PDB file of N, CA and C in Angstrom:
ATOM      1  N   MET A   1      79.255 -54.815  47.453  1.00  0.00           N
ATOM      2  CA  MET A   1      80.159 -55.791  46.882  1.00  0.00           C
ATOM      3  C   MET A   1      80.949 -56.445  48.022  1.00  0.00           C
ATOM      4  N   THR A   2      80.984 -57.772  48.031  1.00  0.00           N
ATOM      5  CA  THR A   2      81.736 -58.514  49.035  1.00  0.00           C
ATOM      6  C   THR A   2      83.176 -58.667  48.565  1.00  0.00           C
ATOM      7  N   ILE A   3      84.102 -58.482  49.486  1.00  0.00           N
ATOM      8  CA  ILE A   3      85.533 -58.503  49.179  1.00  0.00           C
ATOM      9  C   ILE A   3      86.202 -59.654  49.920  1.00  0.00           C
ATOM     10  N   LEU A   4      87.233 -60.237  49.293  1.00  0.00           N
ATOM     11  CA  LEU A   4      88.073 -61.218  49.973  1.00  0.00           C
ATOM     12  C   LEU A   4      89.522 -60.789  49.828  1.00  0.00           C
ATOM     13  N   THR A   5      90.375 -61.345  50.662  1.00  0.00           N
ATOM     14  CA  THR A   5      91.798 -61.018  50.623  1.00  0.00           C
ATOM     15  C   THR A   5      92.577 -62.250  50.198  1.00  0.00           C
ATOM     16  N   LEU A   6      93.504 -62.045  49.268  1.00  0.00           N
ATOM     17  CA  LEU A   6      94.389 -63.116  48.830  1.00  0.00           C
ATOM     18  C   LEU A   6      95.784 -62.547  48.644  1.00  0.00           C
ATOM     19  N   THR A   7      96.747 -63.421  48.425  1.00  0.00           N
ATOM     20  CA  THR A   7      98.136 -62.998  48.267  1.00  0.00           C
ATOM     21  C   THR A   7      98.604 -63.316  46.854  1.00  0.00           C
ATOM     22  N   ILE A   8      99.185 -62.312  46.198  1.00  0.00           N
ATOM     23  CA  ILE A   8      99.749 -62.489  44.864  1.00  0.00           C
ATOM     24  C   ILE A   8     101.221 -62.124  44.932  1.00  0.00           C
ATOM     25  N   ASP A   9     102.078 -63.095  44.648  1.00  0.00           N
ATOM     26  CA  ASP A   9     103.530 -62.891  44.695  1.00  0.00           C
ATOM     27  C   ASP A   9     103.972 -62.240  46.002  1.00  0.00           C
ATOM     28  N   GLY A  10     103.384 -62.684  47.115  1.00  0.00           N
ATOM     29  CA  GLY A  10     103.781 -62.213  48.434  1.00  0.00           C
ATOM     30  C   GLY A  10     103.117 -60.937  48.910  1.00  0.00           C
ATOM     31  N   GLU A  11     102.258 -60.329  48.094  1.00  0.00           N
ATOM     32  CA  GLU A  11     101.574 -59.094  48.479  1.00  0.00           C
ATOM     33  C   GLU A  11     100.079 -59.347  48.653  1.00  0.00           C
ATOM     34  N   ALA A  12      99.503 -58.839  49.736  1.00  0.00           N
ATOM     35  CA  ALA A  12      98.070 -59.004  50.001  1.00  0.00           C
ATOM     36  C   ALA A  12      97.260 -58.057  49.120  1.00  0.00           C
ATOM     37  N   HIS A  13      96.140 -58.565  48.603  1.00  0.00           N
ATOM     38  CA  HIS A  13      95.242 -57.775  47.761  1.00  0.00           C
ATOM     39  C   HIS A  13      93.804 -58.093  48.118  1.00  0.00           C
ATOM     40  N   ALA A  14      92.942 -57.090  48.024  1.00  0.00           N
ATOM     41  CA  ALA A  14      91.504 -57.269  48.228  1.00  0.00           C
ATOM     42  C   ALA A  14      90.845 -57.280  46.855  1.00  0.00           C
ATOM     43  N   VAL A  15      90.060 -58.324  46.583  1.00  0.00           N
ATOM     44  CA  VAL A  15      89.378 -58.466  45.297  1.00  0.00           C
ATOM     45  C   VAL A  15      87.923 -58.862  45.534  1.00  0.00           C
ATOM     46  N   PRO A  16      87.046 -58.626  44.571  1.00  0.00           N
ATOM     47  CA  PRO A  16      85.641 -59.018  44.731  1.00  0.00           C
ATOM     48  C   PRO A  16      85.474 -60.539  44.785  1.00  0.00           C
ATOM     49  N   VAL A  17      84.543 -61.001  45.573  1.00  0.00           N
ATOM     50  CA  VAL A  17      84.204 -62.422  45.641  1.00  0.00           C
ATOM     51  C   VAL A  17      83.622 -62.855  44.297  1.00  0.00           C
ATOM     52  N   GLY A  18      83.970 -64.057  43.849  1.00  0.00           N
ATOM     53  CA  GLY A  18      83.380 -64.632  42.646  1.00  0.00           C
ATOM     54  C   GLY A  18      84.158 -64.437  41.365  1.00  0.00           C
ATOM     55  N   ILE A  19      85.288 -63.723  41.413  1.00  0.00           N
ATOM     56  CA  ILE A  19      86.061 -63.519  40.189  1.00  0.00           C
ATOM     57  C   ILE A  19      87.120 -64.606  40.047  1.00  0.00           C
ATOM     58  N   SER A  20      87.615 -64.775  38.832  1.00  0.00           N
ATOM     59  CA  SER A  20      88.670 -65.753  38.574  1.00  0.00           C
ATOM     60  C   SER A  20      90.022 -65.190  39.006  1.00  0.00           C
ATOM     61  N   VAL A  21      90.980 -66.080  39.139  1.00  0.00           N
ATOM     62  CA  VAL A  21      92.343 -65.655  39.453  1.00  0.00           C
ATOM     63  C   VAL A  21      92.866 -64.767  38.323  1.00  0.00           C
ATOM     64  N   ALA A  22      92.540 -65.086  37.075  1.00  0.00           N
ATOM     65  CA  ALA A  22      92.967 -64.248  35.945  1.00  0.00           C
ATOM     66  C   ALA A  22      92.429 -62.826  36.087  1.00  0.00           C
ATOM     67  N   ALA A  23      91.167 -62.698  36.488  1.00  0.00           N
ATOM     68  CA  ALA A  23      90.576 -61.372  36.687  1.00  0.00           C
ATOM     69  C   ALA A  23      91.247 -60.649  37.846  1.00  0.00           C
ATOM     70  N   ALA A  24      91.557 -61.374  38.914  1.00  0.00           N
ATOM     71  CA  ALA A  24      92.239 -60.769  40.062  1.00  0.00           C
ATOM     72  C   ALA A  24      93.619 -60.268  39.656  1.00  0.00           C
ATOM     73  N   LEU A  25      94.321 -61.031  38.838  1.00  0.00           N
ATOM     74  CA  LEU A  25      95.634 -60.592  38.362  1.00  0.00           C
ATOM     75  C   LEU A  25      95.499 -59.313  37.543  1.00  0.00           C
ATOM     76  N   ALA A  26      94.510 -59.258  36.670  1.00  0.00           N
ATOM     77  CA  ALA A  26      94.291 -58.060  35.853  1.00  0.00           C
ATOM     78  C   ALA A  26      93.917 -56.860  36.721  1.00  0.00           C
ATOM     79  N   LEU A  27      93.050 -57.075  37.711  1.00  0.00           N
ATOM     80  CA  LEU A  27      92.631 -55.984  38.605  1.00  0.00           C
ATOM     81  C   LEU A  27      93.791 -55.403  39.398  1.00  0.00           C
ATOM     82  N   THR A  28      94.787 -56.230  39.677  1.00  0.00           N
ATOM     83  CA  THR A  28      95.923 -55.779  40.476  1.00  0.00           C
ATOM     84  C   THR A  28      97.125 -55.391  39.614  1.00  0.00           C
ATOM     85  N   GLY A  29      96.914 -55.301  38.289  1.00  0.00           N
ATOM     86  CA  GLY A  29      97.978 -54.855  37.394  1.00  0.00           C
ATOM     87  C   GLY A  29      99.048 -55.885  37.123  1.00  0.00           C
ATOM     88  N   ARG A  30      98.701 -57.155  37.262  1.00  0.00           N
ATOM     89  CA  ARG A  30      99.668 -58.230  37.052  1.00  0.00           C
ATOM     90  C   ARG A  30      99.192 -59.156  35.935  1.00  0.00           C
ATOM     91  N   GLU A  31      99.117 -58.643  34.732  1.00  0.00           N
ATOM     92  CA  GLU A  31      98.594 -59.428  33.622  1.00  0.00           C
ATOM     93  C   GLU A  31      99.496 -60.604  33.251  1.00  0.00           C
ATOM     94  N   GLU A  32     100.816 -60.434  33.360  1.00  0.00           N
ATOM     95  CA  GLU A  32     101.744 -61.514  33.007  1.00  0.00           C
ATOM     96  C   GLU A  32     101.646 -62.649  34.020  1.00  0.00           C
ATOM     97  N   THR A  33     101.486 -63.883  33.512  1.00  0.00           N
ATOM     98  CA  THR A  33     101.380 -65.040  34.403  1.00  0.00           C
ATOM     99  C   THR A  33     102.632 -65.902  34.404  1.00  0.00           C
ATOM    100  N   ARG A  34     103.372 -65.885  33.301  1.00  0.00           N
ATOM    101  CA  ARG A  34     104.546 -66.747  33.197  1.00  0.00           C
ATOM    102  C   ARG A  34     105.416 -66.281  32.043  1.00  0.00           C
ATOM    103  N   ARG A  35     106.500 -67.025  31.766  1.00  0.00           N
ATOM    104  CA  ARG A  35     107.391 -66.753  30.638  1.00  0.00           C
ATOM    105  C   ARG A  35     107.406 -67.956  29.695  1.00  0.00           C
ATOM    106  N   SER A  36     107.509 -67.699  28.404  1.00  0.00           N
ATOM    107  CA  SER A  36     107.554 -68.775  27.408  1.00  0.00           C
ATOM    108  C   SER A  36     108.948 -69.396  27.373  1.00  0.00           C
ATOM    109  N   VAL A  37     109.137 -70.416  26.524  1.00  0.00           N
ATOM    110  CA  VAL A  37     110.450 -71.050  26.391  1.00  0.00           C
ATOM    111  C   VAL A  37     111.478 -70.076  25.841  1.00  0.00           C
ATOM    112  N   THR A  38     111.028 -69.024  25.162  1.00  0.00           N
ATOM    113  CA  THR A  38     111.938 -67.995  24.661  1.00  0.00           C
ATOM    114  C   THR A  38     111.987 -66.786  25.591  1.00  0.00           C
ATOM    115  N   ASN A  39     111.470 -66.961  26.805  1.00  0.00           N
ATOM    116  CA  ASN A  39     111.471 -65.949  27.862  1.00  0.00           C
ATOM    117  C   ASN A  39     110.609 -64.725  27.541  1.00  0.00           C
ATOM    118  N   MET A  40     109.583 -64.925  26.730  1.00  0.00           N
ATOM    119  CA  MET A  40     108.647 -63.849  26.422  1.00  0.00           C
ATOM    120  C   MET A  40     107.496 -63.883  27.429  1.00  0.00           C
ATOM    121  N   PRO A  41     106.963 -62.719  27.814  1.00  0.00           N
ATOM    122  CA  PRO A  41     105.854 -62.704  28.772  1.00  0.00           C
ATOM    123  C   PRO A  41     104.592 -63.333  28.187  1.00  0.00           C
ATOM    124  N   ARG A  42     103.886 -64.089  29.004  1.00  0.00           N
ATOM    125  CA  ARG A  42     102.632 -64.733  28.607  1.00  0.00           C
ATOM    126  C   ARG A  42     101.532 -64.261  29.547  1.00  0.00           C
ATOM    127  N   ALA A  43     100.303 -64.258  29.067  1.00  0.00           N
ATOM    128  CA  ALA A  43      99.161 -63.795  29.858  1.00  0.00           C
ATOM    129  C   ALA A  43      97.909 -64.546  29.409  1.00  0.00           C
ATOM    130  N   PRO A  44      96.832 -64.476  30.194  1.00  0.00           N
ATOM    131  CA  PRO A  44      95.585 -65.121  29.784  1.00  0.00           C
ATOM    132  C   PRO A  44      95.174 -64.658  28.385  1.00  0.00           C
ATOM    133  N   PHE A  45      94.709 -65.606  27.577  1.00  0.00           N
ATOM    134  CA  PHE A  45      94.342 -65.283  26.203  1.00  0.00           C
ATOM    135  C   PHE A  45      92.912 -65.708  25.884  1.00  0.00           C
ATOM    136  N   CYS A  46      92.612 -66.990  26.038  1.00  0.00           N
ATOM    137  CA  CYS A  46      91.301 -67.486  25.593  1.00  0.00           C
ATOM    138  C   CYS A  46      90.210 -67.350  26.652  1.00  0.00           C
ATOM    139  N   GLY A  47      90.576 -67.373  27.919  1.00  0.00           N
ATOM    140  CA  GLY A  47      89.602 -67.237  28.991  1.00  0.00           C
ATOM    141  C   GLY A  47      88.765 -68.473  29.258  1.00  0.00           C
ATOM    142  N   MET A  48      89.113 -69.605  28.610  1.00  0.00           N
ATOM    143  CA  MET A  48      88.332 -70.826  28.830  1.00  0.00           C
ATOM    144  C   MET A  48      89.199 -72.060  29.036  1.00  0.00           C
ATOM    145  N   GLY A  49      90.493 -71.882  29.291  1.00  0.00           N
ATOM    146  CA  GLY A  49      91.367 -72.994  29.643  1.00  0.00           C
ATOM    147  C   GLY A  49      91.995 -73.745  28.496  1.00  0.00           C
ATOM    148  N   VAL A  50      91.744 -73.332  27.266  1.00  0.00           N
ATOM    149  CA  VAL A  50      92.278 -74.053  26.115  1.00  0.00           C
ATOM    150  C   VAL A  50      93.737 -73.686  25.840  1.00  0.00           C
ATOM    151  N   CYS A  51      94.065 -72.416  25.877  1.00  0.00           N
ATOM    152  CA  CYS A  51      95.417 -71.973  25.504  1.00  0.00           C
ATOM    153  C   CYS A  51      96.459 -72.268  26.581  1.00  0.00           C
ATOM    154  N   GLN A  52      96.054 -72.368  27.814  1.00  0.00           N
ATOM    155  CA  GLN A  52      96.912 -72.630  28.973  1.00  0.00           C
ATOM    156  C   GLN A  52      98.012 -71.582  29.165  1.00  0.00           C
ATOM    157  N   GLU A  53      97.800 -70.391  28.638  1.00  0.00           N
ATOM    158  CA  GLU A  53      98.769 -69.307  28.818  1.00  0.00           C
ATOM    159  C   GLU A  53      98.710 -68.710  30.223  1.00  0.00           C
ATOM    160  N   CYS A  54      97.658 -69.013  30.970  1.00  0.00           N
ATOM    161  CA  CYS A  54      97.454 -68.389  32.283  1.00  0.00           C
ATOM    162  C   CYS A  54      97.897 -69.277  33.447  1.00  0.00           C
ATOM    163  N   ARG A  55      98.830 -70.178  33.214  1.00  0.00           N
ATOM    164  CA  ARG A  55      99.284 -71.080  34.276  1.00  0.00           C
ATOM    165  C   ARG A  55      99.931 -70.302  35.423  1.00  0.00           C
ATOM    166  N   VAL A  56      99.482 -70.584  36.626  1.00  0.00           N
ATOM    167  CA  VAL A  56     100.026 -69.997  37.851  1.00  0.00           C
ATOM    168  C   VAL A  56     100.066 -71.082  38.925  1.00  0.00           C
ATOM    169  N   THR A  57     100.681 -70.775  40.044  1.00  0.00           N
ATOM    170  CA  THR A  57     100.674 -71.683  41.185  1.00  0.00           C
ATOM    171  C   THR A  57      99.712 -71.120  42.218  1.00  0.00           C
ATOM    172  N   VAL A  58      98.725 -71.925  42.607  1.00  0.00           N
ATOM    173  CA  VAL A  58      97.721 -71.525  43.591  1.00  0.00           C
ATOM    174  C   VAL A  58      97.817 -72.482  44.765  1.00  0.00           C
ATOM    175  N   ASN A  59      98.159 -71.936  45.927  1.00  0.00           N
ATOM    176  CA  ASN A  59      98.306 -72.753  47.139  1.00  0.00           C
ATOM    177  C   ASN A  59      99.207 -73.959  46.898  1.00  0.00           C
ATOM    178  N   GLY A  60     100.298 -73.734  46.137  1.00  0.00           N
ATOM    179  CA  GLY A  60     101.281 -74.781  45.894  1.00  0.00           C
ATOM    180  C   GLY A  60     100.979 -75.723  44.746  1.00  0.00           C
ATOM    181  N   ARG A  61      99.858 -75.535  44.060  1.00  0.00           N
ATOM    182  CA  ARG A  61      99.487 -76.412  42.941  1.00  0.00           C
ATOM    183  C   ARG A  61      99.392 -75.609  41.652  1.00  0.00           C
ATOM    184  N   ARG A  62      99.855 -76.195  40.544  1.00  0.00           N
ATOM    185  CA  ARG A  62      99.764 -75.534  39.238  1.00  0.00           C
ATOM    186  C   ARG A  62      98.301 -75.525  38.794  1.00  0.00           C
ATOM    187  N   MET A  63      97.806 -74.360  38.416  1.00  0.00           N
ATOM    188  CA  MET A  63      96.401 -74.202  38.035  1.00  0.00           C
ATOM    189  C   MET A  63      96.307 -73.248  36.845  1.00  0.00           C
ATOM    190  N   LEU A  64      95.153 -73.260  36.193  1.00  0.00           N
ATOM    191  CA  LEU A  64      94.850 -72.284  35.152  1.00  0.00           C
ATOM    192  C   LEU A  64      94.106 -71.124  35.805  1.00  0.00           C
ATOM    193  N   ALA A  65      94.656 -69.930  35.687  1.00  0.00           N
ATOM    194  CA  ALA A  65      94.075 -68.758  36.352  1.00  0.00           C
ATOM    195  C   ALA A  65      92.664 -68.452  35.864  1.00  0.00           C
ATOM    196  N   CYS A  66      92.387 -68.714  34.592  1.00  0.00           N
ATOM    197  CA  CYS A  66      91.058 -68.392  34.053  1.00  0.00           C
ATOM    198  C   CYS A  66      89.989 -69.368  34.520  1.00  0.00           C
ATOM    199  N   GLN A  67      90.385 -70.528  35.020  1.00  0.00           N
ATOM    200  CA  GLN A  67      89.441 -71.560  35.440  1.00  0.00           C
ATOM    201  C   GLN A  67      89.366 -71.708  36.953  1.00  0.00           C
ATOM    202  N   THR A  68      90.075 -70.860  37.681  1.00  0.00           N
ATOM    203  CA  THR A  68      90.149 -70.963  39.134  1.00  0.00           C
ATOM    204  C   THR A  68      89.482 -69.750  39.771  1.00  0.00           C
ATOM    205  N   VAL A  69      88.498 -69.994  40.624  1.00  0.00           N
ATOM    206  CA  VAL A  69      87.782 -68.916  41.315  1.00  0.00           C
ATOM    207  C   VAL A  69      88.554 -68.532  42.576  1.00  0.00           C
ATOM    208  N   CYS A  70      88.709 -67.242  42.808  1.00  0.00           N
ATOM    209  CA  CYS A  70      89.418 -66.751  43.991  1.00  0.00           C
ATOM    210  C   CYS A  70      88.706 -67.176  45.272  1.00  0.00           C
ATOM    211  N   GLN A  71      89.514 -67.487  46.294  1.00  0.00           N
ATOM    212  CA  GLN A  71      88.993 -67.847  47.605  1.00  0.00           C
ATOM    213  C   GLN A  71      89.760 -67.079  48.673  1.00  0.00           C
ATOM    214  N   GLN A  72      89.102 -66.830  49.788  1.00  0.00           N
ATOM    215  CA  GLN A  72      89.713 -66.116  50.907  1.00  0.00           C
ATOM    216  C   GLN A  72      91.012 -66.810  51.322  1.00  0.00           C
ATOM    217  N   GLY A  73      92.095 -66.024  51.459  1.00  0.00           N
ATOM    218  CA  GLY A  73      93.370 -66.540  51.933  1.00  0.00           C
ATOM    219  C   GLY A  73      94.208 -67.253  50.893  1.00  0.00           C
ATOM    220  N   MET A  74      93.743 -67.320  49.666  1.00  0.00           N
ATOM    221  CA  MET A  74      94.454 -68.003  48.585  1.00  0.00           C
ATOM    222  C   MET A  74      95.815 -67.355  48.350  1.00  0.00           C
ATOM    223  N   THR A  75      96.810 -68.189  48.029  1.00  0.00           N
ATOM    224  CA  THR A  75      98.141 -67.701  47.688  1.00  0.00           C
ATOM    225  C   THR A  75      98.402 -68.003  46.218  1.00  0.00           C
ATOM    226  N   ILE A  76      98.684 -66.961  45.453  1.00  0.00           N
ATOM    227  CA  ILE A  76      98.915 -67.085  44.011  1.00  0.00           C
ATOM    228  C   ILE A  76     100.345 -66.662  43.717  1.00  0.00           C
ATOM    229  N   GLU A  77     101.043 -67.481  42.941  1.00  0.00           N
ATOM    230  CA  GLU A  77     102.405 -67.144  42.532  1.00  0.00           C
ATOM    231  C   GLU A  77     102.503 -67.263  41.019  1.00  0.00           C
ATOM    232  N   ARG A  78     103.025 -66.215  40.410  1.00  0.00           N
ATOM    233  CA  ARG A  78     103.272 -66.252  38.971  1.00  0.00           C
ATOM    234  C   ARG A  78     104.670 -66.802  38.744  1.00  0.00           C
ATOM    235  N   SER A  79     104.873 -67.497  37.630  1.00  0.00           N
ATOM    236  CA  SER A  79     106.184 -68.053  37.315  1.00  0.00           C
ATOM    237  C   SER A  79     107.067 -66.969  36.721  1.00  0.00           C
ATOM    238  N   ARG A  80     108.262 -66.879  37.213  1.00  0.00           N
ATOM    239  CA  ARG A  80     109.220 -65.909  36.675  1.00  0.00           C
ATOM    240  C   ARG A  80     110.281 -66.600  35.830  1.00  0.00           C
ATOM    241  N   HIS A  81     110.094 -67.894  35.607  1.00  0.00           N
ATOM    242  CA  HIS A  81     111.060 -68.681  34.851  1.00  0.00           C
ATOM    243  C   HIS A  81     110.463 -69.074  33.507  1.00  0.00           C
ATOM    244  N   ALA A  82     111.327 -69.258  32.533  1.00  0.00           N
ATOM    245  CA  ALA A  82     110.856 -69.707  31.225  1.00  0.00           C
ATOM    246  C   ALA A  82     110.268 -71.101  31.337  1.00  0.00           C
ATOM    247  N   TYR A  83     109.115 -71.281  30.763  1.00  0.00           N
ATOM    248  CA  TYR A  83     108.384 -72.542  30.655  1.00  0.00           C
ATOM    249  C   TYR A  83     108.166 -73.253  31.979  1.00  0.00           C
ATOM    250  N   ALA A  84     106.996 -73.093  32.501  1.00  0.00           N
ATOM    251  CA  ALA A  84     106.574 -73.796  33.715  1.00  0.00           C
ATOM    252  C   ALA A  84     105.390 -74.674  33.330  1.00  0.00           C
ATOM    253  N   PRO A  85     105.628 -75.964  33.029  1.00  0.00           N
ATOM    254  CA  PRO A  85     104.535 -76.829  32.574  1.00  0.00           C
ATOM    255  C   PRO A  85     103.474 -77.029  33.638  1.00  0.00           C
ATOM    256  N   LEU A  86     102.250 -77.287  33.186  1.00  0.00           N
ATOM    257  CA  LEU A  86     101.122 -77.498  34.102  1.00  0.00           C
ATOM    258  C   LEU A  86     101.226 -78.828  34.798  1.00  0.00           C
TER     259      LEU A  86
END
């Protein structure tokens, strides 16, 4: 299995090549991606980009974690604030 290294919320992690950012978050125990307008935790739900519950910031850009493939050196940040629009 080929491994790549990326950063999630400032911490380096090794994950398999070819997985989505949503899968990398789950593998590293970080299922929550953001907070709702009522400050409730949100996480990937549909896995195909429709629900948009998996919004994260990847290399400074808002992206859907389920639709984004991990790349070497990628920086992923989860939102800790209520409602972070795409």
